[in-house]
Amino acid sequence: MSTIILGIESSCDDTSAAIIRDEWLLSNLISSQKVHEEYGGVVPELASRAHQANIIPVVDRAIKLANITADEISAVAFTRGPGLLGSLLVGTSFAKGFALAQNIPLIEVNHLHGHILSHFIKTSADSKHPNYPFLCLLVSGGHTQLVLVESYKKMRIVGKTIDDAAGEAFDKCAKVMGLGYPGGPVVDKLAAKGNPKAFEFAKPLPHGLDFSFSGLKTSFLYSLRNNLNGFPNFIDENKEDLCASLQYTITTILMQKLVKASKKYGIKEVAIAGGVAANSALRNAILETGERLGWNTYIPELKFTTDNAAMIAIAGYFKYLENDFAGHDLIPQARLPF
């Protein structure tokens, strides 16, 4: 008998629902919130209100697209954290209500674990996933971590940012240049036409496997300030080169630590995950480095890099197999431990 998992993701500003049957993806819907663009970042209260409006129609549509009925669902998995507390509360409350109504188990999922396990979602006969143990570079707007993954439930952070995340560096530098929010995708697009060696920015490299991006942002802003004084149109006339140089610097920092981790642990199964895993320079860099060093590299499909419920559903599926269920007294946690 097949196992069908409903996944619910509401950690930030995307309301998502997905259906998975025995690791195979049946549907994955995401309702994005455009309201935050005019504010240059996510407004928590607006996000939670939008989740309340979106979650029922999104779940209903996901079930219909999967061509199943609610009665066929084996369990509901939801993001407990980390994330925005108001947003998490909407997803958690809906998942509890759905589980009670259908008399099925409730499964809590760590959002970050979901990103890592997105590699195990099957979408075709050619779908491949890493073999345990593997290293995963998890990079997003809020997190930059190197994770040693020994099983779906045994993961250990071996390196992390000591200040800002890589995605945060992209977004904040993009904001200064007036590129809008989110800035990462815009930087990636403009960088394709620029010279990555046009500008040189600081590459902070803390001890061990940890990352730092605060100094890079300071270096970027310092460069702009110096040029703006005598060149009023400096940003407009150099956007492409600035973006290319910024992207090159961030990618270089990430790859240096990933290579170091691979050598330290003797692991050649290497993956990336998270929103910044959609960045073209990073995707190309891990493929090129992997070919040079003999890695088996795993890059998620673009639709699985951003926040989505399919990754929550697959994480929930593995927990379901071991009867790892949650109680209805559980509450969401904005800073859920890894």
Protein backbone atom coordinates (compact mmCIF):
# COMPACT_ATOMS: atom_id res chain seq x y z
CA MET A 1 0.00 0.00 0.00
CA SER A 2 1.40 3.38 -0.99
CA THR A 3 2.12 6.20 1.45
CA ILE A 4 0.77 9.63 0.52
CA ILE A 5 2.05 12.70 2.36
CA LEU A 6 0.58 16.19 2.30
CA GLY A 7 3.31 18.78 2.87
CA ILE A 8 2.65 22.31 4.18
CA GLU A 9 5.27 25.07 3.99
CA SER A 10 4.63 28.56 5.41
CA SER A 11 7.88 29.62 7.03
CA CYS A 12 8.23 32.99 5.30
CA ASP A 13 6.32 34.63 2.45
CA ASP A 14 5.40 31.65 0.24
CA THR A 15 2.34 29.52 0.93
CA SER A 16 2.98 26.06 -0.46
CA ALA A 17 1.31 22.65 -0.45
CA ALA A 18 2.55 19.44 -2.05
CA ILE A 19 1.53 15.82 -2.38
CA ILE A 20 4.09 12.99 -2.47
CA ARG A 21 3.39 9.30 -2.99
CA ASP A 22 6.30 7.06 -1.94
CA GLU A 23 8.94 9.72 -2.76
CA TRP A 24 7.26 10.56 -6.08
CA LEU A 25 6.01 14.12 -6.49
CA LEU A 26 2.36 14.37 -7.53
CA SER A 27 1.86 18.12 -7.07
CA ASN A 28 3.67 21.13 -5.66
CA LEU A 29 1.92 24.50 -5.53
CA ILE A 30 3.41 27.78 -4.36
CA SER A 31 1.54 31.04 -3.86
CA SER A 32 4.05 33.89 -3.73
CA GLN A 33 3.31 37.18 -2.01
CA LYS A 34 4.05 40.22 -4.18
CA VAL A 35 2.99 42.67 -1.47
CA HIS A 36 6.49 42.72 0.08
CA GLU A 37 8.27 44.04 -3.02
CA GLU A 38 7.32 47.66 -2.35
CA TYR A 39 8.84 47.45 1.15
CA GLY A 40 12.17 45.98 0.04
CA GLY A 41 11.77 42.95 2.31
CA VAL A 42 9.26 40.66 3.98
CA VAL A 43 6.80 42.33 6.37
CA PRO A 44 5.91 39.60 8.93
CA GLU A 45 2.36 40.74 9.68
CA LEU A 46 1.46 41.03 6.00
CA ALA A 47 2.99 37.61 5.37
CA SER A 48 0.90 35.87 8.02
CA ARG A 49 -2.30 37.51 6.78
CA ALA A 50 -1.57 36.39 3.22
CA HIS A 51 -0.95 32.83 4.44
CA GLN A 52 -4.37 32.83 6.09
CA ALA A 53 -5.99 33.83 2.81
CA ASN A 54 -3.98 31.44 0.64
CA ILE A 55 -3.57 28.20 2.53
CA ILE A 56 -7.00 26.62 1.99
CA PRO A 57 -7.19 27.23 -1.79
CA VAL A 58 -3.54 26.19 -2.24
CA VAL A 59 -4.03 22.88 -0.37
CA ASP A 60 -7.29 22.21 -2.18
CA ARG A 61 -5.66 22.78 -5.56
CA ALA A 62 -2.64 20.60 -4.67
CA ILE A 63 -4.93 17.70 -3.77
CA LYS A 64 -6.89 18.06 -7.01
CA LEU A 65 -3.78 18.30 -9.18
CA ALA A 66 -2.44 15.13 -7.53
CA ASN A 67 -5.65 13.40 -8.62
CA ILE A 68 -6.35 12.04 -5.14
CA THR A 69 -8.89 12.69 -2.40
CA ALA A 70 -8.24 13.92 1.12
CA ASP A 71 -9.23 10.49 2.45
CA GLU A 72 -6.23 8.90 0.69
CA ILE A 73 -3.66 11.02 2.53
CA SER A 74 -1.60 9.02 5.05
CA ALA A 75 -0.20 11.95 7.07
CA VAL A 76 0.33 15.69 6.97
CA ALA A 77 3.84 17.13 7.34
CA PHE A 78 4.38 20.81 8.13
CA THR A 79 7.20 23.24 8.74
CA ARG A 80 7.60 23.82 12.47
CA GLY A 81 10.52 26.23 12.05
CA PRO A 82 12.76 28.10 11.74
CA GLY A 83 10.94 31.03 10.17
CA LEU A 84 8.57 33.91 10.89
CA LEU A 85 6.47 32.97 13.89
CA GLY A 86 3.19 34.34 12.54
CA SER A 87 3.65 32.57 9.23
CA LEU A 88 4.60 29.30 10.91
CA LEU A 89 1.55 29.54 13.15
CA VAL A 90 -0.78 29.57 10.14
CA GLY A 91 0.76 26.44 8.63
CA THR A 92 0.96 24.63 11.95
CA SER A 93 -2.65 25.39 12.83
CA PHE A 94 -3.92 24.27 9.44
CA ALA A 95 -1.89 21.04 9.59
CA LYS A 96 -3.30 20.23 13.04
CA GLY A 97 -6.84 20.87 11.92
CA PHE A 98 -6.43 18.78 8.77
CA ALA A 99 -4.86 15.90 10.69
CA LEU A 100 -7.68 15.93 13.24
CA ALA A 101 -10.38 16.09 10.59
CA GLN A 102 -8.88 13.18 8.65
CA ASN A 103 -7.73 11.26 11.73
CA ILE A 104 -4.19 10.91 10.37
CA PRO A 105 -0.73 11.46 11.91
CA LEU A 106 0.93 14.85 12.19
CA ILE A 107 4.62 15.20 11.30
CA GLU A 108 6.82 18.17 12.18
CA VAL A 109 9.69 19.10 9.84
CA ASN A 110 12.68 21.36 10.30
CA HIS A 111 12.68 23.77 7.35
CA LEU A 112 16.44 23.41 6.84
CA HIS A 113 16.27 19.61 6.87
CA GLY A 114 13.64 19.92 4.16
CA HIS A 115 15.98 21.88 1.91
CA ILE A 116 18.68 19.23 2.28
CA LEU A 117 16.30 16.32 1.70
CA SER A 118 14.83 17.94 -1.42
CA HIS A 119 17.43 15.92 -3.31
CA PHE A 120 15.40 12.78 -2.61
CA ILE A 121 12.22 13.96 -4.36
CA LYS A 122 11.51 11.80 -7.39
CA THR A 123 10.12 13.54 -10.46
CA SER A 124 11.28 11.15 -13.19
CA ALA A 125 12.99 7.81 -13.74
CA ASP A 126 16.27 9.73 -14.07
CA SER A 127 16.01 11.34 -10.64
CA LYS A 128 19.21 10.82 -8.65
CA HIS A 129 20.00 11.47 -5.01
CA PRO A 130 23.20 11.59 -2.93
CA ASN A 131 24.49 8.51 -1.15
CA TYR A 132 25.06 8.79 2.59
CA PRO A 133 27.20 10.29 3.95
CA PHE A 134 27.26 13.46 1.87
CA LEU A 135 28.16 17.09 2.32
CA CYS A 136 25.51 19.72 1.65
CA LEU A 137 26.20 23.41 1.21
CA LEU A 138 22.97 25.02 2.42
CA VAL A 139 22.75 28.64 1.28
CA SER A 140 19.82 31.03 1.49
CA GLY A 141 18.84 34.53 2.54
CA GLY A 142 18.92 33.54 6.20
CA HIS A 143 21.38 30.65 6.39
CA THR A 144 24.78 29.61 5.14
CA GLN A 145 25.85 26.22 6.47
CA LEU A 146 28.00 23.24 5.62
CA VAL A 147 26.16 20.12 6.74
CA LEU A 148 27.48 16.58 7.08
CA VAL A 149 24.50 14.35 6.31
CA GLU A 150 24.76 10.77 7.53
CA SER A 151 21.06 9.92 7.27
CA TYR A 152 17.72 11.72 6.95
CA LYS A 153 17.68 12.17 10.74
CA LYS A 154 21.40 12.47 11.45
CA MET A 155 22.79 15.77 10.22
CA ARG A 156 25.57 17.85 11.71
CA ILE A 157 26.56 21.44 10.95
CA VAL A 158 30.34 21.52 10.41
CA GLY A 159 30.56 25.11 9.22
CA LYS A 160 28.31 28.17 9.33
CA THR A 161 28.31 31.92 8.84
CA ILE A 162 29.45 33.89 11.85
CA ASP A 163 27.52 36.97 10.74
CA ASP A 164 25.50 37.45 7.53
CA ALA A 165 24.22 34.79 5.14
CA ALA A 166 25.28 34.63 1.49
CA GLY A 167 21.76 35.41 0.30
CA GLU A 168 21.63 38.39 2.65
CA ALA A 169 24.81 39.75 1.08
CA PHE A 170 23.24 39.45 -2.38
CA ASP A 171 20.00 41.14 -1.30
CA LYS A 172 21.54 44.01 0.65
CA CYS A 173 24.11 44.88 -2.02
CA ALA A 174 21.35 44.72 -4.63
CA LYS A 175 19.20 47.06 -2.54
CA VAL A 176 21.99 49.63 -2.39
CA MET A 177 22.19 49.53 -6.18
CA GLY A 178 18.44 50.02 -6.45
CA LEU A 179 17.78 46.60 -7.98
CA GLY A 180 14.71 45.80 -5.89
CA TYR A 181 13.77 42.82 -3.76
CA PRO A 182 14.62 39.98 -3.83
CA GLY A 183 17.98 41.05 -5.21
CA GLY A 184 19.67 37.70 -5.76
CA PRO A 185 17.92 36.76 -9.03
CA VAL A 186 18.46 40.27 -10.45
CA VAL A 187 22.17 40.18 -9.60
CA ASP A 188 22.45 36.77 -11.28
CA LYS A 189 20.80 38.07 -14.46
CA LEU A 190 22.94 41.22 -14.70
CA ALA A 191 26.12 39.34 -13.80
CA ALA A 192 25.82 37.26 -16.98
CA LYS A 193 26.74 40.39 -18.96
CA GLY A 194 29.45 41.68 -16.64
CA ASN A 195 33.16 41.16 -15.94
CA PRO A 196 33.68 39.20 -12.69
CA LYS A 197 37.19 40.63 -12.34
CA ALA A 198 36.19 44.26 -12.85
CA PHE A 199 36.09 44.98 -9.10
CA GLU A 200 37.86 43.33 -6.20
CA PHE A 201 35.97 42.95 -2.94
CA ALA A 202 37.08 41.56 0.40
CA LYS A 203 36.92 37.79 0.85
CA PRO A 204 36.70 37.21 4.62
CA LEU A 205 37.73 33.64 5.42
CA PRO A 206 37.30 32.82 9.13
CA HIS A 207 39.11 29.93 10.76
CA GLY A 208 38.02 26.41 9.91
CA LEU A 209 34.88 25.85 7.87
CA ASP A 210 32.95 28.93 9.00
CA PHE A 211 31.87 31.74 6.66
CA SER A 212 31.67 35.52 6.93
CA PHE A 213 29.97 37.97 4.56
CA SER A 214 29.74 41.14 6.64
CA GLY A 215 33.18 42.32 5.51
CA LEU A 216 32.24 41.71 1.89
CA LYS A 217 29.22 43.98 2.21
CA THR A 218 31.35 46.68 3.84
CA SER A 219 33.92 46.38 1.06
CA PHE A 220 31.18 46.63 -1.56
CA LEU A 221 29.66 49.75 0.02
CA TYR A 222 33.10 51.36 0.44
CA SER A 223 33.82 50.85 -3.26
CA LEU A 224 30.53 52.49 -4.21
CA ARG A 225 31.06 55.45 -1.91
CA ASN A 226 34.52 56.18 -3.26
CA ASN A 227 33.35 56.11 -6.87
CA LEU A 228 30.06 57.94 -6.36
CA ASN A 229 31.85 61.05 -5.08
CA GLY A 230 33.32 61.83 -8.49
CA PHE A 231 31.10 59.72 -10.73
CA PRO A 232 27.38 60.40 -10.12
CA ASN A 233 26.23 57.76 -12.62
CA PHE A 234 28.71 55.15 -11.42
CA ILE A 235 26.15 52.52 -10.35
CA ASP A 236 24.01 52.81 -13.47
CA GLU A 237 26.99 52.55 -15.79
CA ASN A 238 28.66 49.68 -13.89
CA LYS A 239 25.75 47.55 -12.65
CA GLU A 240 26.66 44.52 -14.72
CA ASP A 241 30.32 44.52 -13.67
CA LEU A 242 29.42 45.20 -10.04
CA CYS A 243 26.97 42.28 -10.03
CA ALA A 244 29.42 39.96 -11.77
CA SER A 245 32.20 40.83 -9.31
CA LEU A 246 29.89 40.46 -6.32
CA GLN A 247 28.63 37.10 -7.53
CA TYR A 248 32.17 35.89 -8.27
CA THR A 249 33.36 36.86 -4.78
CA ILE A 250 30.49 35.15 -2.97
CA THR A 251 30.82 32.00 -5.08
CA THR A 252 34.57 31.89 -4.47
CA ILE A 253 34.10 32.10 -0.70
CA LEU A 254 31.48 29.34 -0.71
CA MET A 255 33.49 26.99 -2.90
CA GLN A 256 36.74 27.44 -0.96
CA LYS A 257 35.05 26.21 2.21
CA LEU A 258 33.21 23.41 0.43
CA VAL A 259 36.44 22.08 -1.05
CA LYS A 260 38.11 22.31 2.35
CA ALA A 261 35.25 20.35 3.97
CA SER A 262 35.38 17.66 1.29
CA LYS A 263 39.09 17.15 1.89
CA LYS A 264 38.74 17.20 5.67
CA TYR A 265 36.03 14.52 5.79
CA GLY A 266 37.13 12.58 2.74
CA ILE A 267 33.67 12.85 1.19
CA LYS A 268 33.07 13.16 -2.53
CA GLU A 269 29.27 13.07 -2.43
CA VAL A 270 28.54 16.80 -2.55
CA ALA A 271 25.24 18.69 -2.84
CA ILE A 272 23.91 22.23 -2.63
CA ALA A 273 20.49 23.38 -1.44
CA GLY A 274 18.55 26.52 -0.50
CA GLY A 275 17.53 29.64 -2.38
CA VAL A 276 21.06 30.63 -3.41
CA ALA A 277 21.45 27.18 -4.99
CA ALA A 278 19.48 28.71 -7.89
CA ASN A 279 22.40 31.05 -8.62
CA SER A 280 23.91 30.15 -12.00
CA ALA A 281 27.51 30.93 -11.01
CA LEU A 282 27.31 28.68 -7.93
CA ARG A 283 25.67 25.87 -9.91
CA ASN A 284 28.40 26.06 -12.55
CA ALA A 285 31.15 26.29 -9.95
CA ILE A 286 30.12 23.14 -8.10
CA LEU A 287 29.86 21.21 -11.37
CA GLU A 288 33.28 22.38 -12.57
CA THR A 289 34.92 21.80 -9.19
CA GLY A 290 33.26 18.41 -8.90
CA GLU A 291 34.56 17.32 -12.27
CA ARG A 292 38.06 18.47 -11.37
CA LEU A 293 38.12 16.80 -7.94
CA GLY A 294 36.16 13.66 -8.80
CA TRP A 295 33.02 14.54 -6.84
CA ASN A 296 29.55 13.16 -7.39
CA THR A 297 27.64 16.45 -7.42
CA TYR A 298 23.94 16.99 -6.85
CA ILE A 299 22.11 20.18 -7.77
CA PRO A 300 18.38 20.51 -7.05
CA GLU A 301 15.91 21.44 -9.74
CA LEU A 302 15.30 25.18 -9.67
CA LYS A 303 11.74 24.71 -8.38
CA PHE A 304 13.13 22.95 -5.30
CA THR A 305 15.70 25.61 -4.37
CA THR A 306 13.24 28.18 -3.06
CA ASP A 307 10.82 27.45 -0.19
CA ASN A 308 8.38 24.75 -1.27
CA ALA A 309 6.19 22.09 0.32
CA ALA A 310 7.60 19.20 -1.70
CA MET A 311 10.75 19.27 0.43
CA ILE A 312 8.61 19.24 3.58
CA ALA A 313 6.59 16.31 2.24
CA ILE A 314 9.67 14.20 1.42
CA ALA A 315 11.14 14.87 4.87
CA GLY A 316 7.79 13.89 6.35
CA TYR A 317 7.73 10.71 4.27
CA PHE A 318 10.99 9.47 5.82
CA LYS A 319 9.66 10.24 9.29
CA TYR A 320 6.40 8.45 8.51
CA LEU A 321 8.27 5.26 7.68
CA GLU A 322 9.60 5.22 11.25
CA ASN A 323 6.36 6.34 12.91
CA ASP A 324 8.03 9.57 14.00
CA PHE A 325 4.88 11.57 14.66
CA ALA A 326 4.18 14.84 16.48
CA GLY A 327 1.62 15.63 19.16
CA HIS A 328 -1.08 18.25 18.75
CA ASP A 329 0.32 20.20 21.71
CA LEU A 330 3.40 21.08 19.64
CA ILE A 331 3.97 24.78 18.88
CA PRO A 332 5.98 26.42 16.07
CA GLN A 333 9.44 27.80 16.83
CA ALA A 334 10.91 30.78 15.00
CA ARG A 335 14.43 29.64 15.97
CA LEU A 336 14.05 25.89 15.85
CA PRO A 337 17.40 24.19 16.62
CA PHE A 338 18.97 22.36 13.67
